[in-house]
Each structure stands twice: as structure tokens, then as C-alpha cells.
Amino acid sequence: MADILAALDHIRQDPLAPLSRRCIEDACREAGHQWRQRELDPAVTIALFIQQIAHGNTACAEVCHLGERRFTASAYCQARARLPESVYQAVFADVLAAATPQMSREQHLWRGHRTFHIDGSTASMADTPALRKAYGMPSGQKDGCGFPVCHLLVLFSAATGLLLDIFDSPLNTGDLAQTLEAHAHLDQGDVLIGDDTFGSFAHLALLLQGKMHGLFPVHHARIVDFRPRRRFCPEGKKAVAGMPRSRWIKRLGKDDQLVEWFKPKTRPLWMNQAQYDALPASIVVRELRRTVKRPGGGKVTLTMVTTLTDPKKYSADAILELRLRRWDVETNIGHLKTTMKMDVLRCKTQEGVRKELTVFGIVYNLVRAVMLKAARRQEVPVSRISFMDALRWIKHARPGDVLPPLIVNADRPDRAEPRCKKRRAKQYDLMNKPRSELRKRLQKQRKLA
């Protein structure tokens, strides 16, 4: 068969060397994994896993046809299971490092800062006892009528769209529960952008402790008042209707102010007591509000909180522009879950699910590497390069192939599209009882007929 590793090596001339056989075997040795020279050795197994995901997470029985090799689906699954999870993670880390451009380049920085998007999502998976126990089921489902669902926390580079990490956890886990692990990818001066879940006192204080920055919508339950020297209700006292908890400090402009947020008496569940005790009694943050036009007409008012408090270095318009780019994370998650079909995972054990998620991350970053290279060659922003076209090239590239010009999507910032399907689904009854009960009912009906 054509060497899959060699085909993928043409995505970029040198940086994707981590996908070579030698680097994969070095990762196995570092993990203490021993193997025999066989058809499904570590390098071939990971290469086939990459191709499987690139082809839409196709069935294991189809993989032997993708690789033009003779092995059974069972042998392939066993080969994937033999490889330690740390090997997959090592390959992911190497590919990410190889695909990441020099972030010190001016075009990848915002006001001298690296920027990152964080968000939560979910994925469905096979209905097995192990996965039901590990991740849980959505509430309200009867036994045997649903599927386990895991919670996912994803961290992307805002400038390049590269996936830095993906964290899995039980379904009922909050987005903030694994934020400390995500912070490990950040350095001093980095800016983290997310939804209002991340705009809590505890999270902002943690970012300030690490000399990092955050930009988030103000939580809907927090009162924001832009009147100078207005009264406030201190933490620990009974709330007064319409009165904010923050102390006004300084006016920076229209609907733009510095305020002091105070540490709540109640510790959030995602932190332990020692971590919470280490937080300061108060922090100084910037609150600002702007009204923007919606795509297709209409207006929306955005109230934001940020640790970027210098109005000269970070103007309100610049912060608003950065805030509006937060929706890029939804596009990136859509590429993972819809375009690449990560919304339904196939593995039947928790370890298998984690390996599967890691390989999804590997393939996603390979696609982003292709997009970054095409964007430089075609002199367009990387967000304009078609993700699907880059994915198609990865699936069908052969050794010696040169990356062709990729499709450039039209720039339509005011485009408005409804989130609905035009093609109707076939009308089948939903399973509201276990399959065994439905099967017995069907057999009984046949006997009566």
C-alpha cells in the first residue's frame, strides 16, 4: 500500500516529522511499551487510526480497505488497544508543536498577546456498561433507551485555530471543573476568551494570579451599573434589588469603567478549599458595554468583563472586536463534531474513548496545518480557507503530491443563516422502551397475525 505516513508528511515539508515511524516508536519506548514486528506495528496502527478518523470515523471493518492490508477488524482494534494512551498523547503533542507557527510573529498576536478560545461541549458514544458508569446518561432517559454522553472542554488558539487540548469528563461536569488543566497551556500575558461561565470572580482571580488575562461576557446574574460613585452591596450581606456587588473605581469612557470585585463567601465546587483560600480578597477588573448590529439586521447589547484594564493600550473597540471573534470557537467545534463526525464516538471503553478523542485532535491539527500553509501561499486569512477542502486533501494525498490551492470561502461577515435542516428525516418511532421489550412485543404481534 502507499505509505500513509509518507503521504501525511507532505502536509508540511519538515515539521510533521513526528508522524514518522521512528518518532512513534520512540514514544512507545518512552512509555515502556514493547511490541513485535508484525503487520500492525505501532506506526502502522496509528497511521491507520488517523486515516480512519480522516474518513469520517469509519467502521473498523473498512480500515483494512483504506490501508490495502490484510487484517481483521478485531486484530486492528486489539492493536489500537495495546498502544498506551501516553503514546497517542505524545504524537498529539508532537504534531501540535510541529504545526504551530512561531507565535511571536506579529500576525499571530493581538496587541502583543497570544489569544485562546475555551468552551464546553458534549459527545455521544456506544451504550456499554463501562461508558455508562464512566460518563453517565442524560437525565430523563429510560434504561436501554439512550446513550452515554461525555462532557468535553476544548482549548483552541484564536489566531491559528489549532486545538491545544481536549478534556473529557462525566456528563454533569461543569466547564470550569477542568479549567486549571487548561491553564497549564497558557503563559504569562496570554488572553483567554470564553462565555459567561468563565467570567466568575474565582476564574478571573486565578488568571490574574498567573499573570494572564481573561475576556468574558458578564454573567447574567451579576448586576452592572455604570453610574459614577454609585452605591454597592458588599459580599456577605443580603442582596439589594438592583444594587451591584462591585465597588466603582474609575470611569474610562462611556459604559466603560474600572471596578473592584470582592471574593464571595461561598467556595465554587470546582476548587478545593486551599486553592480558594489562596485567592485575594478582591480584584480590579474592567466592565464595558457595547451595542452591535446583528448579522441580517437588529442589534444586540454585549456587557463584558476583562482584566485588560489599560484603556490606552486596549481600547473599547479593540476589546469588542476580540470579543466578537469568540464565535470562531463554535466554528472550530463544528468542524470537529459535524465535519469530522466526532459527535458520536465509536470506542466502547473509557480508555478507548480518550484515545479516539486524541486521534481526532491529531487529524484536526493536521488539517489546520494544511490550512495555515495554504493561507500563507494564497495570501488570505486562515479563517477563509475551506476546512473541508483541506480535509479532503489529507484523505487522498499520496507521496510526492504537492499541496494545491485550496478553496477560499467568501468573506460574508453579515451573513445570517438559520440553524435548521431543509431535508426531512424519515419518520421512525423513537425508542422509548428497552430493545428487549420491543422485540418481545413484535414477536407477539407476529404470532397473533
Protein backbone atom coordinates (compact mmCIF):
# COMPACT_ATOMS: atom_id res chain seq x y z
CA MET A 1 0.00 0.00 0.00
CA ALA A 2 1.01 3.63 -0.34
CA ASP A 3 2.73 4.68 2.87
CA ILE A 4 0.18 6.74 4.81
CA LEU A 5 2.88 8.30 6.95
CA ALA A 6 4.76 9.44 3.85
CA ALA A 7 1.57 10.92 2.40
CA LEU A 8 0.87 12.90 5.56
CA ASP A 9 4.48 14.11 5.62
CA HIS A 10 3.72 16.23 2.55
CA ILE A 11 1.38 18.45 4.55
CA ARG A 12 4.45 20.39 5.55
CA GLN A 13 7.97 19.62 4.40
CA ASP A 14 9.75 19.19 7.73
CA PRO A 15 7.64 19.96 10.83
CA LEU A 16 5.45 16.86 10.51
CA ALA A 17 8.41 14.58 11.07
CA PRO A 18 6.73 13.49 14.37
CA LEU A 19 4.49 11.27 12.22
CA SER A 20 7.49 9.25 11.08
CA ARG A 21 7.91 5.64 12.16
CA ARG A 22 10.97 6.46 14.21
CA CYS A 23 9.25 9.16 16.30
CA ILE A 24 6.23 6.94 17.01
CA GLU A 25 8.48 4.06 18.07
CA ASP A 26 10.50 6.43 20.28
CA ALA A 27 7.24 7.45 22.00
CA CYS A 28 6.47 3.75 22.57
CA ARG A 29 9.88 3.13 24.12
CA GLU A 30 9.48 6.16 26.39
CA ALA A 31 6.14 4.77 27.57
CA GLY A 32 7.74 1.37 28.25
CA HIS A 33 5.67 -0.31 25.54
CA GLN A 34 7.19 -3.39 23.89
CA TRP A 35 6.00 -4.80 20.58
CA ARG A 36 6.85 -7.40 17.99
CA GLN A 37 7.49 -6.69 14.33
CA ARG A 38 4.14 -7.52 12.79
CA GLU A 39 1.81 -6.12 10.19
CA LEU A 40 0.01 -3.93 12.73
CA ASP A 41 3.02 -2.44 14.48
CA PRO A 42 2.67 0.89 16.40
CA ALA A 43 3.47 3.17 13.45
CA VAL A 44 1.08 1.41 11.07
CA THR A 45 -1.65 1.22 13.73
CA ILE A 46 -1.54 4.96 14.43
CA ALA A 47 -1.37 5.75 10.72
CA LEU A 48 -4.47 3.64 10.09
CA PHE A 49 -6.25 5.23 13.05
CA ILE A 50 -5.50 8.66 11.56
CA GLN A 51 -6.89 7.57 8.20
CA GLN A 52 -9.97 6.08 9.88
CA ILE A 53 -10.76 9.40 11.58
CA ALA A 54 -9.95 11.40 8.44
CA HIS A 55 -12.51 9.32 6.56
CA GLY A 56 -15.29 10.29 8.95
CA ASN A 57 -14.53 7.83 11.77
CA THR A 58 -15.50 4.97 9.50
CA ALA A 59 -16.06 1.43 10.79
CA CYS A 60 -13.06 -0.64 11.83
CA ALA A 61 -14.05 -3.27 9.24
CA GLU A 62 -13.40 -0.70 6.50
CA VAL A 63 -9.92 0.25 7.69
CA CYS A 64 -8.25 -2.75 6.06
CA HIS A 65 -9.51 -1.46 2.71
CA LEU A 66 -8.21 2.05 3.41
CA GLY A 67 -4.75 0.71 4.12
CA GLU A 68 -4.80 -2.04 1.46
CA ARG A 69 -3.62 -4.55 4.06
CA ARG A 70 -4.92 -7.94 5.10
CA PHE A 71 -6.09 -7.98 8.72
CA THR A 72 -9.37 -8.34 10.55
CA ALA A 73 -11.30 -5.62 12.32
CA SER A 74 -10.70 -7.46 15.59
CA ALA A 75 -6.92 -7.52 15.04
CA TYR A 76 -6.95 -3.80 14.29
CA CYS A 77 -8.98 -2.99 17.44
CA GLN A 78 -6.62 -5.09 19.55
CA ALA A 79 -3.61 -3.30 18.06
CA ARG A 80 -5.13 0.09 18.96
CA ALA A 81 -5.89 -1.13 22.49
CA ARG A 82 -2.34 -2.43 23.03
CA LEU A 83 -0.82 1.01 22.50
CA PRO A 84 -0.66 3.02 25.75
CA GLU A 85 -2.71 6.20 25.90
CA SER A 86 0.50 8.14 26.52
CA VAL A 87 1.76 7.20 23.04
CA TYR A 88 -1.28 8.79 21.40
CA GLN A 89 -0.84 11.87 23.59
CA ALA A 90 2.85 12.09 22.66
CA VAL A 91 2.00 12.01 18.95
CA PHE A 92 -0.67 14.68 19.50
CA ALA A 93 1.81 16.91 21.33
CA ASP A 94 4.48 16.45 18.65
CA VAL A 95 2.05 17.20 15.81
CA LEU A 96 0.78 20.30 17.65
CA ALA A 97 4.33 21.56 18.20
CA ALA A 98 5.20 20.91 14.56
CA ALA A 99 2.06 22.57 13.22
CA THR A 100 2.27 25.61 15.50
CA PRO A 101 3.88 28.58 13.74
CA GLN A 102 6.17 30.84 15.69
CA MET A 103 3.60 32.58 17.88
CA SER A 104 5.98 35.51 18.33
CA ARG A 105 5.24 36.54 14.76
CA GLU A 106 3.25 39.75 14.68
CA GLN A 107 0.43 38.31 12.57
CA HIS A 108 -0.38 35.76 15.28
CA LEU A 109 -0.52 38.21 18.18
CA TRP A 110 -3.18 40.62 19.38
CA ARG A 111 -1.72 43.77 20.93
CA GLY A 112 1.38 41.70 21.74
CA HIS A 113 -0.60 38.85 23.34
CA ARG A 114 -1.37 35.29 22.34
CA THR A 115 -5.13 34.68 22.44
CA PHE A 116 -7.05 31.47 23.13
CA HIS A 117 -10.66 30.30 22.99
CA ILE A 118 -12.14 27.92 25.57
CA ASP A 119 -15.56 26.29 25.53
CA GLY A 120 -17.52 23.24 26.64
CA SER A 121 -19.35 20.68 24.52
CA THR A 122 -20.54 17.04 24.58
CA ALA A 123 -20.20 13.83 22.59
CA SER A 124 -22.35 10.71 22.46
CA MET A 125 -20.91 7.20 22.46
CA ALA A 126 -21.71 3.49 22.46
CA ASP A 127 -24.16 2.20 25.05
CA THR A 128 -21.91 -0.04 27.15
CA PRO A 129 -21.88 -0.62 30.93
CA ALA A 130 -18.32 0.76 31.18
CA LEU A 131 -19.19 4.02 29.45
CA ARG A 132 -22.49 4.41 31.32
CA LYS A 133 -20.56 4.13 34.58
CA ALA A 134 -17.72 6.44 33.48
CA TYR A 135 -19.71 9.26 31.87
CA GLY A 136 -23.37 8.90 32.80
CA MET A 137 -26.61 9.26 30.87
CA PRO A 138 -28.74 12.34 30.13
CA SER A 139 -31.48 12.79 32.69
CA GLY A 140 -34.96 11.56 31.86
CA GLN A 141 -33.86 8.60 29.72
CA LYS A 142 -35.22 5.15 30.44
CA ASP A 143 -32.84 2.21 30.82
CA GLY A 144 -31.84 0.82 27.45
CA CYS A 145 -33.28 3.76 25.51
CA GLY A 146 -30.38 6.17 25.35
CA PHE A 147 -26.62 6.52 25.05
CA PRO A 148 -23.88 7.68 27.42
CA VAL A 149 -22.71 11.26 26.85
CA CYS A 150 -19.42 12.81 27.96
CA HIS A 151 -18.65 16.43 28.72
CA LEU A 152 -15.80 17.96 26.72
CA LEU A 153 -13.70 21.05 27.40
CA VAL A 154 -11.73 22.29 24.38
CA LEU A 155 -8.97 24.89 24.12
CA PHE A 156 -8.05 26.48 20.75
CA SER A 157 -5.51 29.02 19.59
CA ALA A 158 -7.60 32.01 18.48
CA ALA A 159 -5.03 33.07 15.88
CA THR A 160 -4.46 29.72 14.16
CA GLY A 161 -7.45 27.58 15.17
CA LEU A 162 -5.14 24.80 16.35
CA LEU A 163 -6.51 22.54 19.10
CA LEU A 164 -4.30 22.69 22.17
CA ASP A 165 -6.16 20.14 24.26
CA ILE A 166 -9.43 18.33 24.74
CA PHE A 167 -10.56 17.16 28.18
CA ASP A 168 -13.24 14.51 28.74
CA SER A 169 -15.28 14.14 31.93
CA PRO A 170 -18.67 12.85 33.16
CA LEU A 171 -21.71 14.49 31.60
CA ASN A 172 -22.70 16.56 34.63
CA THR A 173 -19.25 18.18 34.94
CA GLY A 174 -19.19 21.97 34.68
CA ASP A 175 -16.98 23.79 32.18
CA LEU A 176 -14.86 25.29 34.95
CA ALA A 177 -14.01 21.94 36.56
CA GLN A 178 -11.02 21.34 34.24
CA THR A 179 -10.05 24.94 33.66
CA LEU A 180 -6.94 24.61 35.84
CA GLU A 181 -5.69 21.88 33.49
CA ALA A 182 -6.34 24.18 30.52
CA HIS A 183 -4.36 26.97 32.22
CA ALA A 184 -1.28 24.72 32.02
CA HIS A 185 -1.13 25.52 28.29
CA LEU A 186 -1.06 29.28 28.91
CA ASP A 187 1.88 31.58 29.66
CA GLN A 188 2.14 34.98 31.25
CA GLY A 189 0.42 37.63 29.15
CA ASP A 190 -1.88 35.22 27.31
CA VAL A 191 -5.54 36.18 26.88
CA LEU A 192 -8.28 33.58 27.42
CA ILE A 193 -11.69 34.18 25.81
CA GLY A 194 -14.85 32.25 26.63
CA ASP A 195 -18.53 32.52 27.51
CA ASP A 196 -20.05 33.92 30.71
CA THR A 197 -19.43 30.66 32.60
CA PHE A 198 -15.74 31.61 32.77
CA GLY A 199 -16.37 35.19 33.92
CA SER A 200 -16.57 34.37 37.63
CA PHE A 201 -14.53 36.01 40.40
CA ALA A 202 -12.62 32.80 41.11
CA HIS A 203 -11.59 32.24 37.49
CA LEU A 204 -10.57 35.84 36.88
CA ALA A 205 -8.57 35.81 40.13
CA LEU A 206 -6.79 32.64 39.03
CA LEU A 207 -5.86 34.24 35.72
CA LEU A 208 -4.50 37.31 37.49
CA GLN A 209 -2.50 35.08 39.85
CA GLY A 210 -0.83 33.53 36.82
CA LYS A 211 -0.29 37.00 35.24
CA MET A 212 -2.69 36.07 32.46
CA HIS A 213 -5.77 37.84 31.13
CA GLY A 214 -9.40 36.99 30.51
CA LEU A 215 -12.23 38.43 28.41
CA PHE A 216 -15.74 37.10 29.02
CA PRO A 217 -19.38 38.19 28.94
CA VAL A 218 -20.62 39.29 32.35
CA HIS A 219 -22.75 36.55 33.91
CA HIS A 220 -26.46 37.29 33.56
CA ALA A 221 -26.94 37.16 37.35
CA ARG A 222 -24.36 39.90 38.03
CA ILE A 223 -25.62 43.48 38.16
CA VAL A 224 -23.54 46.06 36.25
CA ASP A 225 -24.12 49.76 36.89
CA PHE A 226 -22.09 52.40 35.03
CA ARG A 227 -23.14 55.36 37.18
CA PRO A 228 -20.06 57.01 38.78
CA ARG A 229 -19.72 56.62 42.55
CA ARG A 230 -22.90 54.58 42.78
CA ARG A 231 -23.62 52.60 45.92
CA PHE A 232 -22.85 48.87 46.13
CA CYS A 233 -23.84 45.94 48.33
CA PRO A 234 -20.77 44.22 49.87
CA GLU A 235 -20.33 40.44 49.65
CA GLY A 236 -21.74 38.60 52.63
CA LYS A 237 -24.67 40.98 53.10
CA LYS A 238 -28.19 40.39 51.87
CA ALA A 239 -28.58 41.41 48.24
CA VAL A 240 -30.42 44.65 47.50
CA ALA A 241 -32.56 44.65 44.36
CA GLY A 242 -30.81 46.45 41.51
CA MET A 243 -27.65 47.20 43.50
CA PRO A 244 -24.31 45.81 42.22
CA ARG A 245 -21.83 43.90 44.38
CA SER A 246 -18.82 45.69 42.84
CA ARG A 247 -17.25 48.95 44.05
CA TRP A 248 -16.87 51.69 41.43
CA ILE A 249 -13.28 52.94 40.98
CA LYS A 250 -12.88 54.94 37.79
CA ARG A 251 -14.69 55.89 34.60
CA LEU A 252 -12.73 55.02 31.44
CA GLY A 253 -15.32 56.16 28.89
CA LYS A 254 -18.97 55.77 28.05
CA ASP A 255 -20.17 52.47 29.56
CA ASP A 256 -16.55 51.64 30.38
CA GLN A 257 -15.27 51.51 33.96
CA LEU A 258 -12.85 50.03 36.47
CA VAL A 259 -14.50 48.27 39.41
CA GLU A 260 -13.46 46.15 42.37
CA TRP A 261 -14.94 42.68 42.62
CA PHE A 262 -14.99 41.06 46.04
CA LYS A 263 -14.39 37.43 46.91
CA PRO A 264 -17.68 35.56 47.52
CA LYS A 265 -18.10 33.78 50.84
CA THR A 266 -19.07 30.54 49.10
CA ARG A 267 -16.33 28.46 47.51
CA PRO A 268 -17.10 27.15 43.99
CA LEU A 269 -17.35 23.36 43.78
CA TRP A 270 -14.60 23.09 41.15
CA MET A 271 -11.95 24.43 43.56
CA ASN A 272 -10.65 22.93 46.78
CA GLN A 273 -10.51 24.99 49.95
CA ALA A 274 -6.74 25.56 49.79
CA GLN A 275 -6.98 26.94 46.24
CA TYR A 276 -9.84 29.21 47.20
CA ASP A 277 -8.11 30.47 50.33
CA ALA A 278 -5.10 31.44 48.20
CA LEU A 279 -7.19 33.85 46.13
CA PRO A 280 -7.09 37.56 47.03
CA ALA A 281 -9.95 39.25 48.88
CA SER A 282 -10.72 41.40 45.85
CA ILE A 283 -9.62 42.05 42.26
CA VAL A 284 -9.79 45.05 39.94
CA VAL A 285 -11.47 44.37 36.59
CA ARG A 286 -12.86 46.36 33.72
CA GLU A 287 -16.54 46.32 32.79
CA LEU A 288 -17.74 47.68 29.47
CA ARG A 289 -20.89 47.55 27.38
CA ARG A 290 -21.38 47.99 23.65
CA THR A 291 -24.28 47.58 21.22
CA VAL A 292 -23.54 45.94 17.88
CA LYS A 293 -25.56 45.15 14.80
CA ARG A 294 -26.63 41.56 14.34
CA PRO A 295 -25.98 39.80 11.01
CA GLY A 296 -29.10 40.30 8.93
CA GLY A 297 -30.37 43.25 10.97
CA GLY A 298 -31.25 44.05 14.55
CA LYS A 299 -28.96 44.92 17.43
CA VAL A 300 -27.54 43.14 20.47
CA THR A 301 -26.01 44.63 23.61
CA LEU A 302 -22.86 42.98 24.97
CA THR A 303 -21.69 43.52 28.55
CA MET A 304 -18.13 42.30 29.09
CA VAL A 305 -15.63 41.88 31.91
CA THR A 306 -11.89 41.75 31.34
CA THR A 307 -8.56 42.03 33.14
CA LEU A 308 -7.24 44.18 30.27
CA THR A 309 -7.65 47.38 32.26
CA ASP A 310 -5.43 49.86 30.35
CA PRO A 311 -7.77 51.92 28.10
CA LYS A 312 -4.88 53.38 26.09
CA LYS A 313 -3.33 50.03 25.20
CA TYR A 314 -6.65 48.20 24.91
CA SER A 315 -9.36 50.43 23.52
CA ALA A 316 -13.01 49.52 23.95
CA ASP A 317 -13.35 48.98 20.18
CA ALA A 318 -10.37 46.59 20.14
CA ILE A 319 -11.78 44.59 23.05
CA LEU A 320 -15.19 44.43 21.37
CA GLU A 321 -13.58 43.12 18.16
CA LEU A 322 -11.73 40.46 20.16
CA ARG A 323 -14.95 39.52 21.95
CA LEU A 324 -16.85 39.13 18.68
CA ARG A 325 -14.24 36.66 17.41
CA ARG A 326 -15.23 34.33 20.27
CA TRP A 327 -17.74 32.74 17.92
CA ASP A 328 -14.82 31.23 15.99
CA VAL A 329 -14.72 28.54 18.68
CA GLU A 330 -18.22 27.43 17.66
CA THR A 331 -16.98 27.04 14.08
CA ASN A 332 -13.99 25.00 15.24
CA ILE A 333 -16.17 22.73 17.39
CA GLY A 334 -18.49 22.36 14.43
CA HIS A 335 -15.55 21.18 12.30
CA LEU A 336 -14.73 18.55 14.93
CA LYS A 337 -18.24 17.33 15.66
CA THR A 338 -20.06 17.80 12.36
CA THR A 339 -17.47 17.85 9.56
CA MET A 340 -15.24 15.18 11.16
CA LYS A 341 -18.17 13.38 12.90
CA MET A 342 -16.82 13.48 16.43
CA ASP A 343 -20.36 13.94 17.77
CA VAL A 344 -20.71 10.15 18.06
CA LEU A 345 -17.68 8.20 19.30
CA ARG A 346 -17.26 4.51 18.47
CA CYS A 347 -14.98 3.07 21.17
CA LYS A 348 -16.58 1.04 23.95
CA THR A 349 -14.26 1.70 26.90
CA GLN A 350 -13.21 4.90 28.65
CA GLU A 351 -9.58 4.42 27.66
CA GLY A 352 -10.65 3.79 24.07
CA VAL A 353 -12.76 6.95 24.04
CA ARG A 354 -9.79 9.01 25.22
CA LYS A 355 -7.57 7.55 22.53
CA GLU A 356 -10.26 8.24 19.94
CA LEU A 357 -10.57 11.87 21.07
CA THR A 358 -6.78 12.25 20.91
CA VAL A 359 -6.64 10.98 17.32
CA PHE A 360 -9.48 13.35 16.41
CA GLY A 361 -7.26 16.11 17.77
CA ILE A 362 -4.29 14.86 15.71
CA VAL A 363 -6.28 14.84 12.47
CA TYR A 364 -7.88 18.20 13.23
CA ASN A 365 -4.46 19.80 13.76
CA LEU A 366 -3.13 18.20 10.58
CA VAL A 367 -5.99 19.87 8.72
CA ARG A 368 -5.25 23.20 10.40
CA ALA A 369 -1.57 22.84 9.42
CA VAL A 370 -2.64 22.43 5.80
CA MET A 371 -4.90 25.48 6.11
CA LEU A 372 -2.10 27.60 7.60
CA LYS A 373 0.25 26.64 4.78
CA ALA A 374 -2.42 27.34 2.14
CA ALA A 375 -3.27 30.68 3.75
CA ARG A 376 0.37 31.81 3.53
CA ARG A 377 0.69 30.70 -0.08
CA GLN A 378 -2.66 32.13 -1.19
CA GLU A 379 -2.24 35.29 0.92
CA VAL A 380 -5.62 35.12 2.66
CA PRO A 381 -6.58 34.82 6.35
CA VAL A 382 -6.57 31.22 7.53
CA SER A 383 -10.24 31.56 8.52
CA ARG A 384 -11.09 31.93 4.81
CA ILE A 385 -9.51 28.60 3.82
CA SER A 386 -12.05 25.77 3.47
CA PHE A 387 -11.66 23.24 6.29
CA MET A 388 -13.47 20.59 4.25
CA ASP A 389 -11.20 21.07 1.23
CA ALA A 390 -8.10 20.71 3.42
CA LEU A 391 -9.55 17.56 4.99
CA ARG A 392 -10.25 16.08 1.54
CA TRP A 393 -6.64 16.68 0.50
CA ILE A 394 -5.35 14.90 3.61
CA LYS A 395 -7.57 11.89 2.88
CA HIS A 396 -6.40 11.47 -0.70
CA ALA A 397 -2.82 12.82 -0.76
CA ARG A 398 -0.12 10.44 -2.00
CA PRO A 399 3.68 10.56 -1.65
CA GLY A 400 5.04 13.26 -3.93
CA ASP A 401 1.76 15.22 -4.11
CA VAL A 402 2.13 18.99 -3.89
CA LEU A 403 -0.45 20.91 -1.90
CA PRO A 404 -2.71 22.58 -4.49
CA PRO A 405 -4.54 25.89 -4.00
CA LEU A 406 -7.45 25.25 -1.64
CA ILE A 407 -10.95 26.67 -1.83
CA VAL A 408 -11.21 30.15 -0.33
CA ASN A 409 -14.56 30.84 1.30
CA ALA A 410 -16.25 34.14 0.55
CA ASP A 411 -15.93 36.83 3.22
CA ARG A 412 -19.51 37.35 4.43
CA PRO A 413 -19.35 38.94 7.89
CA ASP A 414 -23.05 39.92 7.89
CA ARG A 415 -24.35 36.59 6.67
CA ALA A 416 -27.30 35.20 8.64
CA GLU A 417 -28.31 31.56 8.26
CA PRO A 418 -30.98 29.73 10.31
CA ARG A 419 -29.75 26.67 12.23
CA CYS A 420 -32.23 24.21 10.76
CA LYS A 421 -32.38 21.39 8.23
CA LYS A 422 -34.30 21.59 4.99
CA ARG A 423 -34.26 17.83 4.23
CA ARG A 424 -36.80 16.00 6.35
CA ALA A 425 -35.74 12.97 8.36
CA LYS A 426 -37.53 9.66 7.81
CA GLN A 427 -40.41 9.16 10.20
CA TYR A 428 -39.40 6.36 12.54
CA ASP A 429 -40.72 5.89 16.06
CA LEU A 430 -38.27 6.79 18.81
CA MET A 431 -37.15 4.03 21.17
CA ASN A 432 -38.95 4.68 24.45
CA LYS A 433 -38.63 1.17 25.87
CA PRO A 434 -35.68 -1.25 26.03
CA ARG A 435 -34.98 -3.15 22.82
CA SER A 436 -35.72 -6.50 24.50
CA GLU A 437 -39.28 -5.39 25.38
CA LEU A 438 -39.91 -4.05 21.88
CA ARG A 439 -38.61 -7.27 20.38
CA LYS A 440 -41.00 -9.36 22.50
CA ARG A 441 -43.91 -7.15 21.50
CA LEU A 442 -43.03 -7.54 17.83
CA GLN A 443 -42.80 -11.35 18.16
CA LYS A 444 -46.17 -11.43 19.91
CA GLN A 445 -47.76 -9.39 17.14
CA ARG A 446 -46.39 -11.81 14.54
CA LYS A 447 -47.89 -14.78 16.36
CA LEU A 448 -51.30 -13.13 16.52
CA ALA A 449 -51.12 -12.37 12.81
